N, C-alpha and C. Protein backbone atom coordinates (compact mmCIF):
# COMPACT_ATOMS: atom_id res chain seq x y z
N MET A 1 -19.54 -46.42 31.26
CA MET A 1 -18.57 -45.55 30.64
C MET A 1 -18.10 -46.19 29.32
N PHE A 2 -18.00 -45.37 28.29
CA PHE A 2 -17.56 -45.86 26.98
C PHE A 2 -16.05 -46.02 26.99
N LYS A 3 -15.60 -47.15 26.52
CA LYS A 3 -14.17 -47.41 26.41
C LYS A 3 -13.86 -47.67 24.94
N ARG A 4 -12.89 -46.95 24.40
CA ARG A 4 -12.54 -47.13 23.00
C ARG A 4 -11.99 -48.54 22.81
N SER A 5 -12.56 -49.22 21.84
CA SER A 5 -12.12 -50.60 21.60
C SER A 5 -10.82 -50.61 20.82
N LYS A 6 -10.06 -51.65 21.02
CA LYS A 6 -8.80 -51.82 20.31
C LYS A 6 -9.09 -52.25 18.88
N LYS A 7 -8.30 -51.75 17.94
CA LYS A 7 -8.47 -52.12 16.55
C LYS A 7 -8.40 -53.63 16.39
N ARG A 8 -9.29 -54.14 15.62
CA ARG A 8 -9.38 -55.54 15.23
C ARG A 8 -9.61 -56.51 16.39
N ALA A 9 -9.48 -56.06 17.64
CA ALA A 9 -9.76 -56.95 18.77
C ALA A 9 -11.27 -57.14 18.89
N ASP A 10 -12.02 -56.10 18.58
CA ASP A 10 -13.47 -56.13 18.64
C ASP A 10 -13.98 -56.08 17.20
N PRO A 11 -14.78 -57.08 16.76
CA PRO A 11 -15.21 -57.08 15.37
C PRO A 11 -16.11 -55.90 15.01
N GLU A 12 -16.62 -55.19 15.98
CA GLU A 12 -17.51 -54.05 15.72
C GLU A 12 -16.89 -52.72 16.17
N TYR A 13 -15.57 -52.63 16.15
CA TYR A 13 -14.95 -51.42 16.67
C TYR A 13 -15.31 -50.19 15.85
N LEU A 14 -15.31 -49.03 16.54
CA LEU A 14 -15.65 -47.76 15.92
C LEU A 14 -14.39 -46.93 15.73
N VAL A 15 -14.42 -46.10 14.70
CA VAL A 15 -13.27 -45.26 14.39
C VAL A 15 -13.72 -43.86 14.04
N GLY A 16 -12.88 -42.89 14.39
CA GLY A 16 -13.09 -41.51 14.00
C GLY A 16 -12.15 -41.15 12.87
N THR A 17 -12.12 -39.89 12.53
CA THR A 17 -11.31 -39.42 11.41
C THR A 17 -9.84 -39.76 11.59
N HIS A 18 -9.32 -39.60 12.79
CA HIS A 18 -7.90 -39.90 13.03
C HIS A 18 -7.59 -41.37 12.73
N GLU A 19 -8.43 -42.27 13.25
CA GLU A 19 -8.18 -43.71 13.04
C GLU A 19 -8.37 -44.09 11.57
N VAL A 20 -9.35 -43.47 10.91
CA VAL A 20 -9.56 -43.75 9.49
C VAL A 20 -8.32 -43.32 8.70
N SER A 21 -7.76 -42.16 9.05
CA SER A 21 -6.57 -41.70 8.33
C SER A 21 -5.42 -42.69 8.51
N GLU A 22 -5.30 -43.28 9.71
CA GLU A 22 -4.26 -44.28 9.93
C GLU A 22 -4.53 -45.56 9.15
N LEU A 23 -5.79 -45.99 9.14
CA LEU A 23 -6.14 -47.22 8.42
C LEU A 23 -5.89 -47.09 6.92
N LEU A 24 -6.12 -45.90 6.38
CA LEU A 24 -6.00 -45.69 4.93
C LEU A 24 -4.64 -45.14 4.53
N GLY A 25 -3.87 -44.65 5.49
CA GLY A 25 -2.58 -44.05 5.16
C GLY A 25 -2.73 -42.72 4.44
N VAL A 26 -3.75 -41.95 4.83
CA VAL A 26 -4.01 -40.65 4.23
C VAL A 26 -4.13 -39.60 5.33
N SER A 27 -4.18 -38.35 4.94
CA SER A 27 -4.35 -37.27 5.92
C SER A 27 -5.80 -37.21 6.39
N ARG A 28 -6.03 -36.53 7.51
CA ARG A 28 -7.41 -36.36 8.00
C ARG A 28 -8.21 -35.51 7.02
N GLN A 29 -7.55 -34.57 6.38
CA GLN A 29 -8.24 -33.77 5.37
C GLN A 29 -8.73 -34.66 4.24
N ARG A 30 -7.91 -35.63 3.82
CA ARG A 30 -8.32 -36.55 2.76
C ARG A 30 -9.49 -37.41 3.22
N VAL A 31 -9.54 -37.78 4.51
CA VAL A 31 -10.68 -38.54 5.03
C VAL A 31 -11.95 -37.73 4.86
N HIS A 32 -11.89 -36.43 5.18
CA HIS A 32 -13.07 -35.57 5.00
C HIS A 32 -13.49 -35.52 3.53
N GLN A 33 -12.52 -35.46 2.62
CA GLN A 33 -12.85 -35.48 1.20
C GLN A 33 -13.49 -36.80 0.81
N LEU A 34 -12.90 -37.90 1.28
CA LEU A 34 -13.44 -39.22 0.95
C LEU A 34 -14.84 -39.42 1.50
N SER A 35 -15.14 -38.81 2.65
CA SER A 35 -16.46 -38.99 3.26
C SER A 35 -17.57 -38.42 2.38
N ASN A 36 -17.23 -37.56 1.43
CA ASN A 36 -18.22 -37.02 0.48
C ASN A 36 -18.36 -37.89 -0.77
N ASP A 37 -17.50 -38.90 -0.90
CA ASP A 37 -17.55 -39.81 -2.04
C ASP A 37 -18.67 -40.82 -1.83
N LYS A 38 -19.47 -41.05 -2.85
CA LYS A 38 -20.61 -41.97 -2.74
C LYS A 38 -20.20 -43.41 -2.45
N THR A 39 -18.96 -43.78 -2.81
CA THR A 39 -18.52 -45.16 -2.58
C THR A 39 -17.99 -45.36 -1.16
N PHE A 40 -17.72 -44.27 -0.46
CA PHE A 40 -17.14 -44.38 0.89
C PHE A 40 -18.22 -44.77 1.89
N PRO A 41 -17.89 -45.58 2.90
CA PRO A 41 -18.90 -45.99 3.88
C PRO A 41 -19.56 -44.80 4.57
N SER A 42 -20.83 -44.95 4.86
CA SER A 42 -21.56 -43.90 5.58
C SER A 42 -21.19 -43.97 7.06
N PRO A 43 -21.06 -42.81 7.69
CA PRO A 43 -20.78 -42.82 9.12
C PRO A 43 -21.99 -43.35 9.89
N VAL A 44 -21.73 -43.92 11.05
CA VAL A 44 -22.82 -44.43 11.89
C VAL A 44 -23.29 -43.38 12.87
N ALA A 45 -22.48 -42.35 13.07
CA ALA A 45 -22.86 -41.26 13.98
C ALA A 45 -22.05 -40.03 13.63
N GLU A 46 -22.62 -38.87 14.03
CA GLU A 46 -21.88 -37.62 13.94
C GLU A 46 -21.93 -36.98 15.32
N LEU A 47 -20.79 -36.86 15.92
CA LEU A 47 -20.66 -36.26 17.25
C LEU A 47 -20.04 -34.88 17.12
N ALA A 48 -20.01 -34.15 18.20
CA ALA A 48 -19.36 -32.84 18.18
C ALA A 48 -17.89 -32.98 17.78
N ALA A 49 -17.29 -34.13 18.11
CA ALA A 49 -15.89 -34.38 17.77
C ALA A 49 -15.71 -34.79 16.31
N GLY A 50 -16.78 -35.11 15.62
CA GLY A 50 -16.68 -35.49 14.22
C GLY A 50 -17.45 -36.75 13.88
N LEU A 51 -17.19 -37.27 12.69
CA LEU A 51 -17.89 -38.44 12.19
C LEU A 51 -17.32 -39.72 12.80
N ILE A 52 -18.18 -40.72 12.93
CA ILE A 52 -17.80 -42.02 13.48
C ILE A 52 -18.23 -43.09 12.48
N TRP A 53 -17.32 -44.02 12.18
CA TRP A 53 -17.59 -45.12 11.27
C TRP A 53 -17.36 -46.45 11.98
N ARG A 54 -17.90 -47.50 11.41
CA ARG A 54 -17.56 -48.86 11.84
C ARG A 54 -16.22 -49.20 11.21
N GLY A 55 -15.27 -49.63 12.01
CA GLY A 55 -13.94 -49.98 11.52
C GLY A 55 -13.97 -51.02 10.41
N PRO A 56 -14.79 -52.11 10.56
CA PRO A 56 -14.83 -53.11 9.50
C PRO A 56 -15.31 -52.55 8.15
N ASP A 57 -16.21 -51.54 8.19
CA ASP A 57 -16.67 -50.93 6.93
C ASP A 57 -15.52 -50.21 6.24
N ILE A 58 -14.69 -49.52 7.02
CA ILE A 58 -13.55 -48.80 6.46
C ILE A 58 -12.53 -49.80 5.90
N GLU A 59 -12.26 -50.87 6.64
CA GLU A 59 -11.32 -51.89 6.16
C GLU A 59 -11.81 -52.53 4.87
N GLU A 60 -13.11 -52.83 4.80
CA GLU A 60 -13.67 -53.45 3.60
C GLU A 60 -13.53 -52.50 2.41
N TRP A 61 -13.84 -51.20 2.61
CA TRP A 61 -13.71 -50.22 1.54
C TRP A 61 -12.25 -50.13 1.09
N ARG A 62 -11.34 -50.07 2.07
CA ARG A 62 -9.91 -49.99 1.75
C ARG A 62 -9.47 -51.19 0.92
N ASN A 63 -9.88 -52.38 1.33
CA ASN A 63 -9.46 -53.58 0.62
C ASN A 63 -10.04 -53.65 -0.79
N GLU A 64 -11.22 -53.07 -0.98
CA GLU A 64 -11.85 -53.08 -2.31
C GLU A 64 -11.31 -51.97 -3.19
N MET A 65 -11.18 -50.76 -2.63
CA MET A 65 -10.81 -49.60 -3.43
C MET A 65 -9.31 -49.36 -3.50
N ARG A 66 -8.57 -49.86 -2.52
CA ARG A 66 -7.13 -49.65 -2.47
C ARG A 66 -6.46 -50.97 -2.14
N PRO A 67 -6.53 -51.91 -3.07
CA PRO A 67 -6.00 -53.24 -2.78
C PRO A 67 -4.52 -53.21 -2.48
N SER A 68 -4.12 -54.12 -1.63
CA SER A 68 -2.70 -54.15 -1.27
C SER A 68 -1.88 -54.70 -2.41
N THR A 69 -0.65 -54.33 -2.43
CA THR A 69 0.26 -54.77 -3.48
C THR A 69 0.68 -56.21 -3.24
N ALA A 70 0.60 -56.98 -4.28
CA ALA A 70 1.11 -58.34 -4.19
C ALA A 70 2.63 -58.27 -4.20
N PRO A 71 3.29 -59.13 -3.49
CA PRO A 71 4.75 -59.11 -3.52
C PRO A 71 5.27 -59.37 -4.94
N ASP A 72 6.47 -58.92 -5.20
CA ASP A 72 7.04 -59.19 -6.51
C ASP A 72 7.36 -60.69 -6.59
N PRO A 73 7.74 -61.19 -7.75
CA PRO A 73 7.97 -62.63 -7.91
C PRO A 73 8.97 -63.21 -6.92
N LYS A 74 9.88 -62.39 -6.41
CA LYS A 74 10.85 -62.88 -5.44
C LYS A 74 10.27 -62.88 -4.03
N GLY A 75 9.02 -62.42 -3.88
CA GLY A 75 8.39 -62.38 -2.58
C GLY A 75 8.83 -61.22 -1.71
N GLU A 76 9.38 -60.17 -2.32
CA GLU A 76 9.89 -59.04 -1.57
C GLU A 76 8.87 -57.92 -1.51
N ILE A 77 8.88 -57.17 -0.44
CA ILE A 77 8.05 -55.98 -0.32
C ILE A 77 8.73 -54.89 -1.13
N PRO A 78 7.94 -54.11 -1.91
CA PRO A 78 8.56 -53.06 -2.73
C PRO A 78 9.32 -52.05 -1.88
N ASN A 79 10.53 -51.75 -2.28
CA ASN A 79 11.30 -50.70 -1.64
C ASN A 79 11.29 -49.49 -2.55
N PRO A 80 11.20 -48.30 -1.98
CA PRO A 80 11.17 -47.12 -2.84
C PRO A 80 12.52 -46.85 -3.47
N PRO A 81 12.50 -46.36 -4.71
CA PRO A 81 13.75 -45.91 -5.30
C PRO A 81 14.21 -44.64 -4.57
N PRO A 82 15.44 -44.23 -4.74
CA PRO A 82 15.88 -42.99 -4.08
C PRO A 82 15.09 -41.79 -4.60
N ARG A 83 14.85 -40.84 -3.72
CA ARG A 83 14.15 -39.62 -4.12
C ARG A 83 15.04 -38.77 -5.01
N ASP A 84 14.40 -38.05 -5.93
CA ASP A 84 15.11 -37.12 -6.79
C ASP A 84 15.50 -35.91 -5.93
N PRO A 85 16.79 -35.64 -5.74
CA PRO A 85 17.19 -34.53 -4.86
C PRO A 85 16.71 -33.17 -5.37
N ASN A 86 16.48 -33.05 -6.67
CA ASN A 86 16.00 -31.78 -7.22
C ASN A 86 14.50 -31.61 -7.09
N ARG A 87 13.78 -32.71 -6.89
CA ARG A 87 12.32 -32.66 -6.74
C ARG A 87 11.90 -33.68 -5.68
N PRO A 88 12.33 -33.48 -4.43
CA PRO A 88 12.06 -34.48 -3.39
C PRO A 88 10.57 -34.66 -3.07
N GLN A 89 9.75 -33.70 -3.49
CA GLN A 89 8.32 -33.80 -3.23
C GLN A 89 7.63 -34.83 -4.14
N ASN A 90 8.28 -35.21 -5.24
CA ASN A 90 7.68 -36.16 -6.17
C ASN A 90 7.71 -37.57 -5.62
N ASP A 91 6.69 -38.33 -5.95
CA ASP A 91 6.65 -39.75 -5.62
C ASP A 91 7.88 -40.40 -6.24
N PRO A 92 8.69 -41.12 -5.45
CA PRO A 92 9.95 -41.65 -6.00
C PRO A 92 9.76 -42.68 -7.11
N TRP A 93 8.66 -43.45 -7.08
CA TRP A 93 8.43 -44.42 -8.16
C TRP A 93 8.08 -43.68 -9.45
N ASP A 94 7.26 -42.62 -9.32
CA ASP A 94 6.93 -41.83 -10.50
C ASP A 94 8.17 -41.12 -11.04
N ALA A 95 8.97 -40.56 -10.14
CA ALA A 95 10.19 -39.87 -10.56
C ALA A 95 11.15 -40.83 -11.25
N ASP A 96 11.22 -42.06 -10.75
CA ASP A 96 12.09 -43.07 -11.38
C ASP A 96 11.62 -43.37 -12.80
N ALA A 97 10.31 -43.51 -12.98
CA ALA A 97 9.77 -43.79 -14.32
C ALA A 97 10.01 -42.60 -15.26
N ILE A 98 9.84 -41.39 -14.76
CA ILE A 98 10.09 -40.19 -15.58
C ILE A 98 11.57 -40.13 -15.97
N GLN A 99 12.45 -40.37 -15.02
CA GLN A 99 13.89 -40.31 -15.32
C GLN A 99 14.27 -41.37 -16.34
N TYR A 100 13.67 -42.56 -16.23
CA TYR A 100 13.91 -43.63 -17.19
C TYR A 100 13.54 -43.15 -18.61
N LEU A 101 12.39 -42.48 -18.73
CA LEU A 101 11.97 -41.98 -20.04
C LEU A 101 12.91 -40.88 -20.54
N LEU A 102 13.30 -39.98 -19.64
CA LEU A 102 14.19 -38.88 -20.03
C LEU A 102 15.56 -39.39 -20.46
N ASP A 103 16.02 -40.49 -19.87
CA ASP A 103 17.32 -41.06 -20.23
C ASP A 103 17.26 -41.86 -21.52
N GLY A 104 16.06 -42.11 -22.02
CA GLY A 104 15.88 -42.91 -23.23
C GLY A 104 16.16 -42.13 -24.51
N PRO A 105 15.99 -42.80 -25.65
CA PRO A 105 16.36 -42.22 -26.95
C PRO A 105 15.63 -40.92 -27.29
N GLU A 106 14.40 -40.74 -26.84
CA GLU A 106 13.65 -39.53 -27.19
C GLU A 106 13.46 -38.60 -26.00
N GLY A 107 14.15 -38.89 -24.91
CA GLY A 107 13.98 -38.10 -23.69
C GLY A 107 14.39 -36.65 -23.81
N HIS A 108 15.31 -36.37 -24.74
CA HIS A 108 15.80 -34.99 -24.91
C HIS A 108 14.70 -34.03 -25.37
N LYS A 109 13.57 -34.56 -25.82
CA LYS A 109 12.46 -33.73 -26.30
C LYS A 109 11.62 -33.17 -25.16
N TRP A 110 11.91 -33.60 -23.94
CA TRP A 110 11.07 -33.24 -22.79
C TRP A 110 11.92 -32.66 -21.67
N THR A 111 11.27 -31.88 -20.81
CA THR A 111 11.86 -31.54 -19.52
C THR A 111 11.14 -32.38 -18.48
N LYS A 112 11.76 -32.54 -17.34
CA LYS A 112 11.18 -33.37 -16.28
C LYS A 112 9.79 -32.87 -15.89
N GLY A 113 9.66 -31.57 -15.66
CA GLY A 113 8.38 -31.00 -15.24
C GLY A 113 7.30 -31.14 -16.29
N ASN A 114 7.65 -30.85 -17.55
CA ASN A 114 6.67 -30.97 -18.64
C ASN A 114 6.16 -32.40 -18.77
N LEU A 115 7.08 -33.34 -18.76
CA LEU A 115 6.70 -34.74 -18.94
C LEU A 115 5.82 -35.20 -17.77
N MET A 116 6.21 -34.85 -16.56
CA MET A 116 5.43 -35.24 -15.37
C MET A 116 4.01 -34.67 -15.46
N GLU A 117 3.89 -33.39 -15.77
CA GLU A 117 2.57 -32.74 -15.83
C GLU A 117 1.71 -33.31 -16.96
N CYS A 118 2.32 -33.56 -18.10
CA CYS A 118 1.56 -34.12 -19.22
C CYS A 118 1.12 -35.55 -18.93
N MET A 119 2.01 -36.35 -18.35
CA MET A 119 1.64 -37.74 -18.06
C MET A 119 0.60 -37.82 -16.95
N ARG A 120 0.58 -36.85 -16.05
CA ARG A 120 -0.42 -36.83 -14.99
C ARG A 120 -1.72 -36.19 -15.45
N GLU A 121 -1.73 -35.70 -16.68
CA GLU A 121 -2.92 -35.08 -17.26
C GLU A 121 -3.43 -33.94 -16.39
N GLN A 122 -2.49 -33.11 -15.93
CA GLN A 122 -2.89 -31.98 -15.10
C GLN A 122 -3.76 -31.02 -15.90
N GLY A 123 -4.69 -30.40 -15.20
CA GLY A 123 -5.72 -29.57 -15.83
C GLY A 123 -5.19 -28.52 -16.79
N ASN A 124 -4.14 -27.80 -16.40
CA ASN A 124 -3.62 -26.77 -17.29
C ASN A 124 -3.06 -27.37 -18.57
N ARG A 125 -2.47 -28.56 -18.49
CA ARG A 125 -1.93 -29.22 -19.68
C ARG A 125 -3.06 -29.75 -20.56
N LEU A 126 -4.07 -30.35 -19.94
CA LEU A 126 -5.20 -30.87 -20.72
C LEU A 126 -5.90 -29.75 -21.47
N LYS A 127 -6.05 -28.61 -20.81
CA LYS A 127 -6.77 -27.49 -21.40
C LYS A 127 -5.94 -26.79 -22.48
N ASN A 128 -4.67 -26.51 -22.17
CA ASN A 128 -3.85 -25.68 -23.06
C ASN A 128 -2.98 -26.45 -24.04
N GLN A 129 -2.67 -27.70 -23.72
CA GLN A 129 -1.77 -28.48 -24.58
C GLN A 129 -2.24 -29.94 -24.69
N PRO A 130 -3.46 -30.17 -25.14
CA PRO A 130 -3.94 -31.55 -25.20
C PRO A 130 -3.09 -32.43 -26.12
N ASP A 131 -2.50 -31.82 -27.15
CA ASP A 131 -1.64 -32.60 -28.05
C ASP A 131 -0.37 -33.06 -27.33
N LYS A 132 0.20 -32.23 -26.43
CA LYS A 132 1.37 -32.63 -25.67
C LYS A 132 1.04 -33.76 -24.69
N VAL A 133 -0.16 -33.71 -24.10
CA VAL A 133 -0.59 -34.77 -23.19
C VAL A 133 -0.67 -36.09 -23.95
N LEU A 134 -1.23 -36.06 -25.14
CA LEU A 134 -1.31 -37.25 -25.97
C LEU A 134 0.08 -37.75 -26.37
N GLN A 135 0.97 -36.83 -26.73
CA GLN A 135 2.35 -37.20 -27.07
C GLN A 135 3.05 -37.88 -25.90
N ALA A 136 2.83 -37.35 -24.70
CA ALA A 136 3.45 -37.93 -23.50
C ALA A 136 2.92 -39.33 -23.25
N SER A 137 1.63 -39.51 -23.45
CA SER A 137 1.04 -40.83 -23.27
C SER A 137 1.61 -41.83 -24.27
N ASP A 138 1.71 -41.43 -25.52
CA ASP A 138 2.28 -42.29 -26.56
C ASP A 138 3.76 -42.60 -26.29
N PHE A 139 4.48 -41.59 -25.84
CA PHE A 139 5.90 -41.74 -25.51
C PHE A 139 6.07 -42.77 -24.39
N ALA A 140 5.25 -42.65 -23.35
CA ALA A 140 5.33 -43.58 -22.22
C ALA A 140 5.02 -45.01 -22.67
N LYS A 141 3.97 -45.18 -23.47
CA LYS A 141 3.60 -46.52 -23.96
C LYS A 141 4.74 -47.13 -24.79
N LYS A 142 5.32 -46.31 -25.65
CA LYS A 142 6.37 -46.78 -26.55
C LYS A 142 7.56 -47.36 -25.78
N TYR A 143 7.87 -46.77 -24.61
CA TYR A 143 9.04 -47.21 -23.85
C TYR A 143 8.70 -47.97 -22.57
N GLY A 144 7.48 -48.50 -22.49
CA GLY A 144 7.13 -49.41 -21.40
C GLY A 144 6.83 -48.79 -20.06
N VAL A 145 6.21 -47.61 -20.06
CA VAL A 145 5.77 -47.02 -18.80
C VAL A 145 4.24 -46.92 -18.86
N ASP A 146 3.60 -47.68 -17.96
CA ASP A 146 2.14 -47.65 -17.86
C ASP A 146 1.72 -46.51 -16.95
N ARG A 147 0.53 -46.00 -17.21
CA ARG A 147 -0.05 -44.93 -16.39
C ARG A 147 -1.38 -45.43 -15.87
N HIS A 148 -1.59 -45.32 -14.54
CA HIS A 148 -2.84 -45.78 -13.94
C HIS A 148 -3.31 -44.76 -12.91
N PRO A 149 -4.60 -44.41 -12.96
CA PRO A 149 -5.13 -43.55 -11.90
C PRO A 149 -5.13 -44.31 -10.57
N ASP A 150 -4.87 -43.59 -9.50
CA ASP A 150 -4.89 -44.17 -8.17
C ASP A 150 -6.33 -44.58 -7.85
N PRO A 151 -6.56 -45.83 -7.40
CA PRO A 151 -7.92 -46.24 -7.02
C PRO A 151 -8.47 -45.32 -5.95
N GLY A 152 -9.64 -44.76 -6.21
CA GLY A 152 -10.28 -43.89 -5.23
C GLY A 152 -9.70 -42.49 -5.19
N GLY A 153 -8.76 -42.18 -6.05
CA GLY A 153 -8.15 -40.87 -6.05
C GLY A 153 -8.05 -40.31 -7.45
N LYS A 154 -7.36 -39.19 -7.58
CA LYS A 154 -7.26 -38.53 -8.88
C LYS A 154 -5.86 -38.56 -9.46
N THR A 155 -4.88 -38.93 -8.66
CA THR A 155 -3.49 -38.92 -9.12
C THR A 155 -3.24 -40.08 -10.08
N ILE A 156 -2.51 -39.81 -11.14
CA ILE A 156 -2.09 -40.85 -12.07
C ILE A 156 -0.66 -41.22 -11.71
N HIS A 157 -0.45 -42.52 -11.48
CA HIS A 157 0.89 -43.01 -11.15
C HIS A 157 1.48 -43.75 -12.34
N PHE A 158 2.81 -43.84 -12.34
CA PHE A 158 3.54 -44.44 -13.45
C PHE A 158 4.19 -45.74 -12.99
N PHE A 159 4.24 -46.71 -13.90
CA PHE A 159 4.77 -48.03 -13.59
C PHE A 159 5.67 -48.47 -14.74
N ARG A 160 6.94 -48.66 -14.45
CA ARG A 160 7.85 -49.19 -15.48
C ARG A 160 7.54 -50.66 -15.69
N THR A 161 7.47 -51.06 -16.94
CA THR A 161 7.22 -52.47 -17.26
C THR A 161 8.40 -53.08 -18.01
N ASP A 162 9.46 -52.29 -18.21
CA ASP A 162 10.62 -52.82 -18.94
C ASP A 162 11.32 -53.88 -18.09
N SER A 163 12.09 -54.73 -18.74
CA SER A 163 12.76 -55.83 -18.05
C SER A 163 13.84 -55.36 -17.09
N ASP A 164 14.30 -54.13 -17.24
CA ASP A 164 15.33 -53.59 -16.36
C ASP A 164 14.77 -52.77 -15.20
N ALA A 165 13.46 -52.74 -15.05
CA ALA A 165 12.86 -51.95 -13.96
C ALA A 165 13.43 -52.42 -12.63
N PRO A 166 14.07 -51.52 -11.89
CA PRO A 166 14.77 -51.93 -10.68
C PRO A 166 13.90 -52.07 -9.44
N HIS A 167 12.65 -51.66 -9.52
CA HIS A 167 11.83 -51.62 -8.32
C HIS A 167 10.45 -52.20 -8.57
N SER A 168 9.90 -52.85 -7.56
CA SER A 168 8.49 -53.24 -7.60
C SER A 168 7.68 -51.98 -7.32
N TYR A 169 6.48 -51.93 -7.85
CA TYR A 169 5.67 -50.74 -7.72
C TYR A 169 4.42 -51.00 -6.89
N PRO A 170 4.19 -50.22 -5.84
CA PRO A 170 2.92 -50.32 -5.11
C PRO A 170 1.79 -49.87 -6.03
N ARG A 171 0.58 -50.38 -5.79
CA ARG A 171 -0.53 -50.08 -6.70
C ARG A 171 -1.35 -48.86 -6.33
N SER A 172 -1.15 -48.27 -5.17
CA SER A 172 -1.94 -47.10 -4.81
C SER A 172 -1.08 -46.07 -4.11
N ALA A 173 -1.59 -44.85 -4.10
CA ALA A 173 -0.89 -43.77 -3.41
C ALA A 173 -0.80 -44.06 -1.92
N ALA A 174 -1.84 -44.65 -1.35
CA ALA A 174 -1.81 -44.97 0.08
C ALA A 174 -0.69 -45.96 0.39
N GLU A 175 -0.53 -46.98 -0.45
CA GLU A 175 0.55 -47.95 -0.24
C GLU A 175 1.90 -47.28 -0.40
N ARG A 176 2.02 -46.41 -1.37
CA ARG A 176 3.28 -45.71 -1.59
C ARG A 176 3.64 -44.88 -0.36
N ARG A 177 2.66 -44.14 0.18
CA ARG A 177 2.93 -43.33 1.36
C ARG A 177 3.32 -44.21 2.55
N ALA A 178 2.62 -45.33 2.72
CA ALA A 178 2.93 -46.23 3.84
C ALA A 178 4.35 -46.79 3.71
N LEU A 179 4.73 -47.18 2.50
CA LEU A 179 6.09 -47.70 2.29
C LEU A 179 7.14 -46.62 2.51
N LEU A 180 6.84 -45.40 2.09
CA LEU A 180 7.79 -44.31 2.29
C LEU A 180 7.94 -43.99 3.77
N ARG A 181 6.83 -44.02 4.52
CA ARG A 181 6.92 -43.78 5.96
C ARG A 181 7.77 -44.87 6.62
N GLY A 182 7.62 -46.11 6.16
CA GLY A 182 8.36 -47.22 6.73
C GLY A 182 9.84 -47.19 6.40
N SER A 183 10.22 -46.49 5.32
CA SER A 183 11.63 -46.48 4.91
C SER A 183 12.40 -45.32 5.50
N GLN A 184 11.73 -44.44 6.21
CA GLN A 184 12.41 -43.25 6.77
C GLN A 184 13.07 -43.55 8.08
């Protein structure tokens, strides 16, 4: 009889979509999307219940494509900034960076939504307002907000680099989601 092995107790443990979603901190739907990515590990089997992978292959991919955040200089784990009550769906680190820019000397030229969409290079903005996207990028650089695509994903995240930045920033969307789940 097959017995499901415990994670990490068996060096050759197998995982399905549910376990992969837990290992990566993503939804099962995102696991299905990732399984079509050429860089994602190939499944070792396909059962009626779904795809099966070797756990170590998933962990290796995660560590390479979604590296964990190094602690800040004080050795602390990043804590999320408070969520924006007007836009609670936004990533709180991204919202904090956007609010920092809006509170700055040239922030009055933007609305929160416009700046967020332009800095994320959303398709409608790239197509219809490429000059605004470029302006947003220049604006962010000028005031110390870096923009980086999420490793293995399409979302662009924002990172304050100014000396007054109140929060350490996780490096991937998966880390951000894991930290947010831990803070609830």
